[in-house]
PDB file of N, CA and C in Angstrom:
ATOM      1  N   MET A   1       9.323 -12.234   6.559  1.00  0.00           N
ATOM      2  CA  MET A   1       8.368 -12.334   5.466  1.00  0.00           C
ATOM      3  C   MET A   1       8.337 -11.013   4.702  1.00  0.00           C
ATOM      4  N   LEU A   2       8.271 -11.092   3.394  1.00  0.00           N
ATOM      5  CA  LEU A   2       8.238  -9.897   2.554  1.00  0.00           C
ATOM      6  C   LEU A   2       6.879  -9.228   2.619  1.00  0.00           C
ATOM      7  N   SER A   3       6.892  -7.902   2.654  1.00  0.00           N
ATOM      8  CA  SER A   3       5.634  -7.158   2.632  1.00  0.00           C
ATOM      9  C   SER A   3       5.096  -7.116   1.213  1.00  0.00           C
ATOM     10  N   PHE A   4       3.856  -6.722   1.094  1.00  0.00           N
ATOM     11  CA  PHE A   4       3.242  -6.578  -0.228  1.00  0.00           C
ATOM     12  C   PHE A   4       4.023  -5.580  -1.064  1.00  0.00           C
ATOM     13  N   GLU A   5       4.430  -4.475  -0.441  1.00  0.00           N
ATOM     14  CA  GLU A   5       5.190  -3.442  -1.150  1.00  0.00           C
ATOM     15  C   GLU A   5       6.512  -3.998  -1.673  1.00  0.00           C
ATOM     16  N   ASP A   6       7.195  -4.798  -0.845  1.00  0.00           N
ATOM     17  CA  ASP A   6       8.454  -5.404  -1.274  1.00  0.00           C
ATOM     18  C   ASP A   6       8.241  -6.338  -2.463  1.00  0.00           C
ATOM     19  N   MET A   7       7.174  -7.139  -2.399  1.00  0.00           N
ATOM     20  CA  MET A   7       6.890  -8.059  -3.500  1.00  0.00           C
ATOM     21  C   MET A   7       6.587  -7.293  -4.780  1.00  0.00           C
ATOM     22  N   LEU A   8       5.872  -6.189  -4.650  1.00  0.00           N
ATOM     23  CA  LEU A   8       5.556  -5.362  -5.811  1.00  0.00           C
ATOM     24  C   LEU A   8       6.832  -4.796  -6.428  1.00  0.00           C
ATOM     25  N   LYS A   9       7.722  -4.281  -5.587  1.00  0.00           N
ATOM     26  CA  LYS A   9       8.979  -3.724  -6.085  1.00  0.00           C
ATOM     27  C   LYS A   9       9.812  -4.787  -6.797  1.00  0.00           C
ATOM     28  N   ILE A  10       9.851  -5.971  -6.218  1.00  0.00           N
ATOM     29  CA  ILE A  10      10.603  -7.068  -6.829  1.00  0.00           C
ATOM     30  C   ILE A  10      10.004  -7.426  -8.184  1.00  0.00           C
ATOM     31  N   GLY A  11       8.676  -7.516  -8.242  1.00  0.00           N
ATOM     32  CA  GLY A  11       8.006  -7.853  -9.497  1.00  0.00           C
ATOM     33  C   GLY A  11       8.253  -6.820 -10.572  1.00  0.00           C
ATOM     34  N   LEU A  12       8.099  -5.545 -10.226  1.00  0.00           N
ATOM     35  CA  LEU A  12       8.324  -4.471 -11.194  1.00  0.00           C
ATOM     36  C   LEU A  12       9.775  -4.430 -11.632  1.00  0.00           C
ATOM     37  N   GLY A  13      10.669  -4.586 -10.695  1.00  0.00           N
ATOM     38  CA  GLY A  13      12.095  -4.576 -11.018  1.00  0.00           C
ATOM     39  C   GLY A  13      12.450  -5.711 -11.958  1.00  0.00           C
ATOM     40  N   GLY A  14      11.875  -6.876 -11.707  1.00  0.00           N
ATOM     41  CA  GLY A  14      12.142  -8.034 -12.555  1.00  0.00           C
ATOM     42  C   GLY A  14      11.646  -7.839 -13.969  1.00  0.00           C
ATOM     43  N   VAL A  15      10.480  -7.245 -14.105  1.00  0.00           N
ATOM     44  CA  VAL A  15       9.917  -7.003 -15.437  1.00  0.00           C
ATOM     45  C   VAL A  15      10.808  -6.048 -16.216  1.00  0.00           C
ATOM     46  N   PHE A  16      11.187  -4.939 -15.590  1.00  0.00           N
ATOM     47  CA  PHE A  16      12.012  -3.951 -16.289  1.00  0.00           C
ATOM     48  C   PHE A  16      13.411  -4.487 -16.583  1.00  0.00           C
ATOM     49  N   LEU A  17      13.995  -5.184 -15.625  1.00  0.00           N
ATOM     50  CA  LEU A  17      15.329  -5.736 -15.821  1.00  0.00           C
ATOM     51  C   LEU A  17      15.327  -6.769 -16.946  1.00  0.00           C
ATOM     52  N   ALA A  18      14.325  -7.636 -16.945  1.00  0.00           N
ATOM     53  CA  ALA A  18      14.243  -8.665 -17.972  1.00  0.00           C
ATOM     54  C   ALA A  18      14.103  -8.028 -19.353  1.00  0.00           C
ATOM     55  N   LYS A  19      13.249  -7.031 -19.457  1.00  0.00           N
ATOM     56  CA  LYS A  19      13.041  -6.352 -20.742  1.00  0.00           C
ATOM     57  C   LYS A  19      14.340  -5.719 -21.219  1.00  0.00           C
ATOM     58  N   GLU A  20      15.011  -5.036 -20.321  1.00  0.00           N
ATOM     59  CA  GLU A  20      16.255  -4.350 -20.674  1.00  0.00           C
ATOM     60  C   GLU A  20      17.328  -5.352 -21.112  1.00  0.00           C
ATOM     61  N   LYS A  21      17.478  -6.423 -20.361  1.00  0.00           N
ATOM     62  CA  LYS A  21      18.493  -7.429 -20.688  1.00  0.00           C
ATOM     63  C   LYS A  21      18.180  -8.130 -22.002  1.00  0.00           C
ATOM     64  N   LEU A  22      16.913  -8.421 -22.251  1.00  0.00           N
ATOM     65  CA  LEU A  22      16.550  -9.094 -23.493  1.00  0.00           C
ATOM     66  C   LEU A  22      16.789  -8.191 -24.700  1.00  0.00           C
ATOM     67  N   GLU A  23      16.465  -6.910 -24.556  1.00  0.00           N
ATOM     68  CA  GLU A  23      16.729  -5.978 -25.662  1.00  0.00           C
ATOM     69  C   GLU A  23      18.229  -5.874 -25.917  1.00  0.00           C
ATOM     70  N   GLU A  24      18.995  -5.855 -24.834  1.00  0.00           N
ATOM     71  CA  GLU A  24      20.452  -5.804 -24.953  1.00  0.00           C
ATOM     72  C   GLU A  24      20.961  -7.056 -25.681  1.00  0.00           C
ATOM     73  N   PHE A  25      20.431  -8.198 -25.324  1.00  0.00           N
ATOM     74  CA  PHE A  25      20.817  -9.467 -25.942  1.00  0.00           C
ATOM     75  C   PHE A  25      20.478  -9.469 -27.441  1.00  0.00           C
ATOM     76  N   VAL A  26      19.280  -9.000 -27.777  1.00  0.00           N
ATOM     77  CA  VAL A  26      18.854  -8.957 -29.180  1.00  0.00           C
ATOM     78  C   VAL A  26      19.755  -8.018 -29.972  1.00  0.00           C
ATOM     79  N   ASN A  27      20.045  -6.865 -29.420  1.00  0.00           N
ATOM     80  CA  ASN A  27      20.914  -5.919 -30.126  1.00  0.00           C
ATOM     81  C   ASN A  27      22.319  -6.479 -30.315  1.00  0.00           C
ATOM     82  N   GLU A  28      22.812  -7.185 -29.328  1.00  0.00           N
ATOM     83  CA  GLU A  28      24.139  -7.802 -29.425  1.00  0.00           C
ATOM     84  C   GLU A  28      24.134  -8.895 -30.503  1.00  0.00           C
ATOM     85  N   ALA A  29      23.065  -9.692 -30.539  1.00  0.00           N
ATOM     86  CA  ALA A  29      22.956 -10.743 -31.558  1.00  0.00           C
ATOM     87  C   ALA A  29      22.888 -10.128 -32.948  1.00  0.00           C
ATOM     88  N   LYS A  30      22.226  -8.988 -33.053  1.00  0.00           N
ATOM     89  CA  LYS A  30      22.135  -8.289 -34.344  1.00  0.00           C
ATOM     90  C   LYS A  30      23.520  -7.817 -34.776  1.00  0.00           C
ATOM     91  N   LYS A  31      24.294  -7.261 -33.839  1.00  0.00           N
ATOM     92  CA  LYS A  31      25.640  -6.783 -34.153  1.00  0.00           C
ATOM     93  C   LYS A  31      26.542  -7.919 -34.618  1.00  0.00           C
ATOM     94  N   LYS A  32      26.361  -9.078 -34.017  1.00  0.00           N
ATOM     95  CA  LYS A  32      27.191 -10.226 -34.361  1.00  0.00           C
ATOM     96  C   LYS A  32      26.733 -10.895 -35.656  1.00  0.00           C
ATOM     97  N   GLY A  33      25.621 -10.449 -36.188  1.00  0.00           N
ATOM     98  CA  GLY A  33      25.120 -11.030 -37.424  1.00  0.00           C
ATOM     99  C   GLY A  33      24.288 -12.271 -37.212  1.00  0.00           C
ATOM    100  N   GLU A  34      23.938 -12.569 -35.970  1.00  0.00           N
ATOM    101  CA  GLU A  34      23.128 -13.746 -35.677  1.00  0.00           C
ATOM    102  C   GLU A  34      21.655 -13.484 -35.978  1.00  0.00           C
ATOM    103  N   LEU A  35      21.285 -12.225 -36.035  1.00  0.00           N
ATOM    104  CA  LEU A  35      19.918 -11.828 -36.366  1.00  0.00           C
ATOM    105  C   LEU A  35      19.965 -10.717 -37.406  1.00  0.00           C
ATOM    106  N   THR A  36      19.017 -10.736 -38.319  1.00  0.00           N
ATOM    107  CA  THR A  36      18.925  -9.632 -39.270  1.00  0.00           C
ATOM    108  C   THR A  36      18.235  -8.460 -38.570  1.00  0.00           C
ATOM    109  N   GLU A  37      18.303  -7.296 -39.182  1.00  0.00           N
ATOM    110  CA  GLU A  37      17.642  -6.105 -38.627  1.00  0.00           C
ATOM    111  C   GLU A  37      16.153  -6.367 -38.444  1.00  0.00           C
ATOM    112  N   LYS A  38      15.551  -6.989 -39.450  1.00  0.00           N
ATOM    113  CA  LYS A  38      14.111  -7.274 -39.415  1.00  0.00           C
ATOM    114  C   LYS A  38      13.778  -8.252 -38.283  1.00  0.00           C
ATOM    115  N   GLU A  39      14.581  -9.301 -38.148  1.00  0.00           N
ATOM    116  CA  GLU A  39      14.350 -10.287 -37.084  1.00  0.00           C
ATOM    117  C   GLU A  39      14.513  -9.651 -35.705  1.00  0.00           C
ATOM    118  N   ALA A  40      15.543  -8.831 -35.587  1.00  0.00           N
ATOM    119  CA  ALA A  40      15.799  -8.165 -34.306  1.00  0.00           C
ATOM    120  C   ALA A  40      14.647  -7.241 -33.948  1.00  0.00           C
ATOM    121  N   GLN A  41      14.176  -6.469 -34.918  1.00  0.00           N
ATOM    122  CA  GLN A  41      13.063  -5.543 -34.678  1.00  0.00           C
ATOM    123  C   GLN A  41      11.809  -6.313 -34.275  1.00  0.00           C
ATOM    124  N   LYS A  42      11.549  -7.420 -34.976  1.00  0.00           N
ATOM    125  CA  LYS A  42      10.377  -8.238 -34.668  1.00  0.00           C
ATOM    126  C   LYS A  42      10.472  -8.803 -33.252  1.00  0.00           C
ATOM    127  N   LEU A  43      11.631  -9.286 -32.892  1.00  0.00           N
ATOM    128  CA  LEU A  43      11.841  -9.851 -31.565  1.00  0.00           C
ATOM    129  C   LEU A  43      11.684  -8.784 -30.485  1.00  0.00           C
ATOM    130  N   ILE A  44      12.214  -7.609 -30.717  1.00  0.00           N
ATOM    131  CA  ILE A  44      12.080  -6.513 -29.747  1.00  0.00           C
ATOM    132  C   ILE A  44      10.615  -6.133 -29.586  1.00  0.00           C
ATOM    133  N   GLU A  45       9.878  -6.066 -30.693  1.00  0.00           N
ATOM    134  CA  GLU A  45       8.446  -5.742 -30.622  1.00  0.00           C
ATOM    135  C   GLU A  45       7.693  -6.801 -29.823  1.00  0.00           C
ATOM    136  N   GLU A  46       8.032  -8.070 -30.052  1.00  0.00           N
ATOM    137  CA  GLU A  46       7.398  -9.157 -29.300  1.00  0.00           C
ATOM    138  C   GLU A  46       7.711  -9.027 -27.808  1.00  0.00           C
ATOM    139  N   LEU A  47       8.955  -8.684 -27.504  1.00  0.00           N
ATOM    140  CA  LEU A  47       9.346  -8.513 -26.107  1.00  0.00           C
ATOM    141  C   LEU A  47       8.613  -7.342 -25.460  1.00  0.00           C
ATOM    142  N   LYS A  48       8.461  -6.257 -26.198  1.00  0.00           N
ATOM    143  CA  LYS A  48       7.728  -5.103 -25.677  1.00  0.00           C
ATOM    144  C   LYS A  48       6.277  -5.473 -25.397  1.00  0.00           C
ATOM    145  N   LYS A  49       5.674  -6.200 -26.341  1.00  0.00           N
ATOM    146  CA  LYS A  49       4.274  -6.606 -26.179  1.00  0.00           C
ATOM    147  C   LYS A  49       4.128  -7.500 -24.948  1.00  0.00           C
ATOM    148  N   GLU A  50       5.016  -8.456 -24.822  1.00  0.00           N
ATOM    149  CA  GLU A  50       4.962  -9.369 -23.677  1.00  0.00           C
ATOM    150  C   GLU A  50       5.181  -8.614 -22.372  1.00  0.00           C
ATOM    151  N   SER A  51       6.087  -7.662 -22.386  1.00  0.00           N
ATOM    152  CA  SER A  51       6.356  -6.857 -21.205  1.00  0.00           C
ATOM    153  C   SER A  51       5.122  -6.053 -20.807  1.00  0.00           C
ATOM    154  N   GLU A  52       4.442  -5.473 -21.786  1.00  0.00           N
ATOM    155  CA  GLU A  52       3.226  -4.712 -21.514  1.00  0.00           C
ATOM    156  C   GLU A  52       2.148  -5.610 -20.926  1.00  0.00           C
ATOM    157  N   GLU A  53       2.030  -6.825 -21.454  1.00  0.00           N
ATOM    158  CA  GLU A  53       1.050  -7.776 -20.939  1.00  0.00           C
ATOM    159  C   GLU A  53       1.358  -8.134 -19.489  1.00  0.00           C
ATOM    160  N   LYS A  54       2.628  -8.347 -19.196  1.00  0.00           N
ATOM    161  CA  LYS A  54       3.027  -8.671 -17.825  1.00  0.00           C
ATOM    162  C   LYS A  54       2.752  -7.498 -16.880  1.00  0.00           C
ATOM    163  N   MET A  55       3.008  -6.283 -17.372  1.00  0.00           N
ATOM    164  CA  MET A  55       2.732  -5.102 -16.551  1.00  0.00           C
ATOM    165  C   MET A  55       1.236  -4.977 -16.270  1.00  0.00           C
ATOM    166  N   ASN A  56       0.413  -5.262 -17.277  1.00  0.00           N
ATOM    167  CA  ASN A  56      -1.036  -5.213 -17.076  1.00  0.00           C
ATOM    168  C   ASN A  56      -1.491  -6.263 -16.075  1.00  0.00           C
ATOM    169  N   GLU A  57      -0.915  -7.453 -16.164  1.00  0.00           N
ATOM    170  CA  GLU A  57      -1.232  -8.509 -15.201  1.00  0.00           C
ATOM    171  C   GLU A  57      -0.847  -8.068 -13.786  1.00  0.00           C
ATOM    172  N   LEU A  58       0.340  -7.500 -13.668  1.00  0.00           N
ATOM    173  CA  LEU A  58       0.814  -7.036 -12.372  1.00  0.00           C
ATOM    174  C   LEU A  58      -0.083  -5.922 -11.835  1.00  0.00           C
ATOM    175  N   LYS A  59      -0.479  -5.026 -12.722  1.00  0.00           N
ATOM    176  CA  LYS A  59      -1.365  -3.933 -12.326  1.00  0.00           C
ATOM    177  C   LYS A  59      -2.690  -4.475 -11.788  1.00  0.00           C
ATOM    178  N   LYS A  60      -3.251  -5.457 -12.483  1.00  0.00           N
ATOM    179  CA  LYS A  60      -4.508  -6.059 -12.029  1.00  0.00           C
ATOM    180  C   LYS A  60      -4.336  -6.737 -10.678  1.00  0.00           C
ATOM    181  N   MET A  61      -3.214  -7.414 -10.500  1.00  0.00           N
ATOM    182  CA  MET A  61      -2.949  -8.069  -9.216  1.00  0.00           C
ATOM    183  C   MET A  61      -2.876  -7.035  -8.101  1.00  0.00           C
ATOM    184  N   VAL A  62      -2.213  -5.925  -8.363  1.00  0.00           N
ATOM    185  CA  VAL A  62      -2.086  -4.869  -7.363  1.00  0.00           C
ATOM    186  C   VAL A  62      -3.460  -4.271  -7.063  1.00  0.00           C
ATOM    187  N   GLU A  63      -4.229  -3.968  -8.105  1.00  0.00           N
ATOM    188  CA  GLU A  63      -5.563  -3.410  -7.909  1.00  0.00           C
ATOM    189  C   GLU A  63      -6.426  -4.347  -7.072  1.00  0.00           C
ATOM    190  N   ASN A  64      -6.383  -5.640  -7.392  1.00  0.00           N
ATOM    191  CA  ASN A  64      -7.175  -6.612  -6.636  1.00  0.00           C
ATOM    192  C   ASN A  64      -6.732  -6.678  -5.181  1.00  0.00           C
ATOM    193  N   GLU A  65      -5.438  -6.635  -4.952  1.00  0.00           N
ATOM    194  CA  GLU A  65      -4.924  -6.686  -3.588  1.00  0.00           C
ATOM    195  C   GLU A  65      -5.322  -5.434  -2.815  1.00  0.00           C
ATOM    196  N   VAL A  66      -5.248  -4.277  -3.455  1.00  0.00           N
ATOM    197  CA  VAL A  66      -5.634  -3.024  -2.788  1.00  0.00           C
ATOM    198  C   VAL A  66      -7.116  -3.073  -2.430  1.00  0.00           C
ATOM    199  N   LYS A  67      -7.954  -3.519  -3.381  1.00  0.00           N
ATOM    200  CA  LYS A  67      -9.393  -3.633  -3.110  1.00  0.00           C
ATOM    201  C   LYS A  67      -9.641  -4.576  -1.940  1.00  0.00           C
ATOM    202  N   LYS A  68      -8.938  -5.692  -1.936  1.00  0.00           N
ATOM    203  CA  LYS A  68      -9.092  -6.680  -0.859  1.00  0.00           C
ATOM    204  C   LYS A  68      -8.716  -6.064   0.488  1.00  0.00           C
ATOM    205  N   GLN A  69      -7.582  -5.359   0.519  1.00  0.00           N
ATOM    206  CA  GLN A  69      -7.129  -4.756   1.773  1.00  0.00           C
ATOM    207  C   GLN A  69      -8.091  -3.667   2.243  1.00  0.00           C
ATOM    208  N   LEU A  70      -8.569  -2.835   1.328  1.00  0.00           N
ATOM    209  CA  LEU A  70      -9.529  -1.785   1.694  1.00  0.00           C
ATOM    210  C   LEU A  70     -10.829  -2.395   2.198  1.00  0.00           C
ATOM    211  N   ASN A  71     -11.250  -3.461   1.557  1.00  0.00           N
ATOM    212  CA  ASN A  71     -12.471  -4.143   1.993  1.00  0.00           C
ATOM    213  C   ASN A  71     -12.303  -4.707   3.397  1.00  0.00           C
ATOM    214  N   GLU A  72     -11.154  -5.310   3.669  1.00  0.00           N
ATOM    215  CA  GLU A  72     -10.884  -5.868   4.993  1.00  0.00           C
ATOM    216  C   GLU A  72     -10.834  -4.782   6.064  1.00  0.00           C
ATOM    217  N   LEU A  73     -10.397  -3.584   5.668  1.00  0.00           N
ATOM    218  CA  LEU A  73     -10.353  -2.464   6.611  1.00  0.00           C
ATOM    219  C   LEU A  73     -11.710  -1.786   6.774  1.00  0.00           C
ATOM    220  N   GLY A  74     -12.652  -2.122   5.902  1.00  0.00           N
ATOM    221  CA  GLY A  74     -13.984  -1.540   5.982  1.00  0.00           C
ATOM    222  C   GLY A  74     -14.086  -0.158   5.368  1.00  0.00           C
ATOM    223  N   VAL A  75     -13.182   0.172   4.452  1.00  0.00           N
ATOM    224  CA  VAL A  75     -13.197   1.474   3.800  1.00  0.00           C
ATOM    225  C   VAL A  75     -14.301   1.480   2.736  1.00  0.00           C
ATOM    226  N   ALA A  76     -15.106   2.549   2.727  1.00  0.00           N
ATOM    227  CA  ALA A  76     -16.201   2.667   1.768  1.00  0.00           C
ATOM    228  C   ALA A  76     -15.661   2.914   0.366  1.00  0.00           C
ATOM    229  N   THR A  77     -16.307   2.291  -0.605  1.00  0.00           N
ATOM    230  CA  THR A  77     -15.938   2.482  -2.004  1.00  0.00           C
ATOM    231  C   THR A  77     -16.778   3.618  -2.599  1.00  0.00           C
ATOM    232  N   LYS A  78     -16.429   4.041  -3.798  1.00  0.00           N
ATOM    233  CA  LYS A  78     -17.219   5.056  -4.500  1.00  0.00           C
ATOM    234  C   LYS A  78     -18.656   4.588  -4.651  1.00  0.00           C
ATOM    235  N   GLU A  79     -18.807   3.318  -4.981  1.00  0.00           N
ATOM    236  CA  GLU A  79     -20.141   2.757  -5.160  1.00  0.00           C
ATOM    237  C   GLU A  79     -20.933   2.810  -3.858  1.00  0.00           C
ATOM    238  N   ASP A  80     -20.287   2.503  -2.731  1.00  0.00           N
ATOM    239  CA  ASP A  80     -20.951   2.579  -1.427  1.00  0.00           C
ATOM    240  C   ASP A  80     -21.433   3.999  -1.156  1.00  0.00           C
ATOM    241  N   ILE A  81     -20.578   4.966  -1.425  1.00  0.00           N
ATOM    242  CA  ILE A  81     -20.907   6.368  -1.164  1.00  0.00           C
ATOM    243  C   ILE A  81     -22.041   6.830  -2.076  1.00  0.00           C
ATOM    244  N   GLU A  82     -21.988   6.459  -3.350  1.00  0.00           N
ATOM    245  CA  GLU A  82     -23.052   6.831  -4.283  1.00  0.00           C
ATOM    246  C   GLU A  82     -24.380   6.215  -3.862  1.00  0.00           C
ATOM    247  N   SER A  83     -24.345   4.981  -3.407  1.00  0.00           N
ATOM    248  CA  SER A  83     -25.553   4.306  -2.945  1.00  0.00           C
ATOM    249  C   SER A  83     -26.142   5.037  -1.733  1.00  0.00           C
ATOM    250  N   LEU A  84     -25.281   5.441  -0.819  1.00  0.00           N
ATOM    251  CA  LEU A  84     -25.746   6.180   0.358  1.00  0.00           C
ATOM    252  C   LEU A  84     -26.323   7.538  -0.032  1.00  0.00           C
ATOM    253  N   LYS A  85     -25.695   8.206  -0.975  1.00  0.00           N
ATOM    254  CA  LYS A  85     -26.216   9.495  -1.454  1.00  0.00           C
ATOM    255  C   LYS A  85     -27.617   9.322  -2.023  1.00  0.00           C
ATOM    256  N   GLN A  86     -27.801   8.263  -2.804  1.00  0.00           N
ATOM    257  CA  GLN A  86     -29.107   8.005  -3.410  1.00  0.00           C
ATOM    258  C   GLN A  86     -30.144   7.733  -2.323  1.00  0.00           C
ATOM    259  N   GLU A  87     -29.785   6.949  -1.320  1.00  0.00           N
ATOM    260  CA  GLU A  87     -30.711   6.664  -0.221  1.00  0.00           C
ATOM    261  C   GLU A  87     -31.077   7.940   0.529  1.00  0.00           C
ATOM    262  N   ILE A  88     -30.099   8.801   0.730  1.00  0.00           N
ATOM    263  CA  ILE A  88     -30.357  10.072   1.425  1.00  0.00           C
ATOM    264  C   ILE A  88     -31.334  10.922   0.620  1.00  0.00           C
ATOM    265  N   GLU A  89     -31.124  10.995  -0.680  1.00  0.00           N
ATOM    266  CA  GLU A  89     -32.028  11.773  -1.532  1.00  0.00           C
ATOM    267  C   GLU A  89     -33.436  11.204  -1.484  1.00  0.00           C
ATOM    268  N   GLU A  90     -33.556   9.877  -1.497  1.00  0.00           N
ATOM    269  CA  GLU A  90     -34.871   9.235  -1.409  1.00  0.00           C
ATOM    270  C   GLU A  90     -35.539   9.546  -0.071  1.00  0.00           C
ATOM    271  N   LEU A  91     -34.771   9.506   1.012  1.00  0.00           N
ATOM    272  CA  LEU A  91     -35.312   9.824   2.334  1.00  0.00           C
ATOM    273  C   LEU A  91     -35.741  11.290   2.422  1.00  0.00           C
ATOM    274  N   LYS A  92     -34.948  12.179   1.845  1.00  0.00           N
ATOM    275  CA  LYS A  92     -35.305  13.602   1.817  1.00  0.00           C
ATOM    276  C   LYS A  92     -36.628  13.802   1.089  1.00  0.00           C
ATOM    277  N   SER A  93     -36.767  13.104  -0.018  1.00  0.00           N
ATOM    278  CA  SER A  93     -37.983  13.213  -0.796  1.00  0.00           C
ATOM    279  C   SER A  93     -39.187  12.720   0.006  1.00  0.00           C
ATOM    280  N   LEU A  94     -39.024  11.596   0.696  1.00  0.00           N
ATOM    281  CA  LEU A  94     -40.105  11.056   1.526  1.00  0.00           C
ATOM    282  C   LEU A  94     -40.462  12.023   2.663  1.00  0.00           C
ATOM    283  N   LEU A  95     -39.450  12.591   3.299  1.00  0.00           N
ATOM    284  CA  LEU A  95     -39.687  13.550   4.382  1.00  0.00           C
ATOM    285  C   LEU A  95     -40.420  14.778   3.865  1.00  0.00           C
ATOM    286  N   LYS A  96     -40.038  15.221   2.708  1.00  0.00           N
ATOM    287  CA  LYS A  96     -40.687  16.402   2.108  1.00  0.00           C
ATOM    288  C   LYS A  96     -42.150  16.102   1.796  1.00  0.00           C
ATOM    289  N   GLN A  97     -42.398  14.895   1.247  1.00  0.00           N
ATOM    290  CA  GLN A  97     -43.775  14.485   0.936  1.00  0.00           C
ATOM    291  C   GLN A  97     -44.616  14.415   2.204  1.00  0.00           C
ATOM    292  N   ASN A  98     -44.050  13.845   3.280  1.00  0.00           N
ATOM    293  CA  ASN A  98     -44.765  13.736   4.537  1.00  0.00           C
ATOM    294  C   ASN A  98     -45.013  15.082   5.172  1.00  0.00           C
ATOM    295  N   ALA A  99     -44.098  16.018   5.023  1.00  0.00           N
ATOM    296  CA  ALA A  99     -44.249  17.350   5.593  1.00  0.00           C
ATOM    297  C   ALA A  99     -45.332  18.135   4.875  1.00  0.00           C
ATOM    298  N   GLU A 100     -45.543  17.838   3.595  1.00  0.00           N
ATOM    299  CA  GLU A 100     -46.555  18.554   2.805  1.00  0.00           C
ATOM    300  C   GLU A 100     -47.955  18.034   3.101  1.00  0.00           C
ATOM    301  N   LYS A 101     -48.094  16.902   3.726  1.00  0.00           N
ATOM    302  CA  LYS A 101     -49.434  16.308   4.004  1.00  0.00           C
ATOM    303  C   LYS A 101     -50.110  16.948   5.182  1.00  0.00           C
TER     304      LYS A 101
END
């Protein structure tokens, strides 16, 4: 079975390879006269945009998986730590008030 890291590498590799091959294909079609310069540029821009969208999707998937794994391991988040800090400050304040009475 593939590990999460292996799947990530495959996904990233596929995105970059596909982008590179498609740009190569568009440039070749332009050289052959099958596409005008304007059409080729437009197609490349569309491919770049789509590639960026796919990378963002992949990034979100990775972030979600990391959060899930950290949660399963019981690792505290920034929010957990900030919440604990606030509780500690509140307790300190209560202790100080009680000590002054």
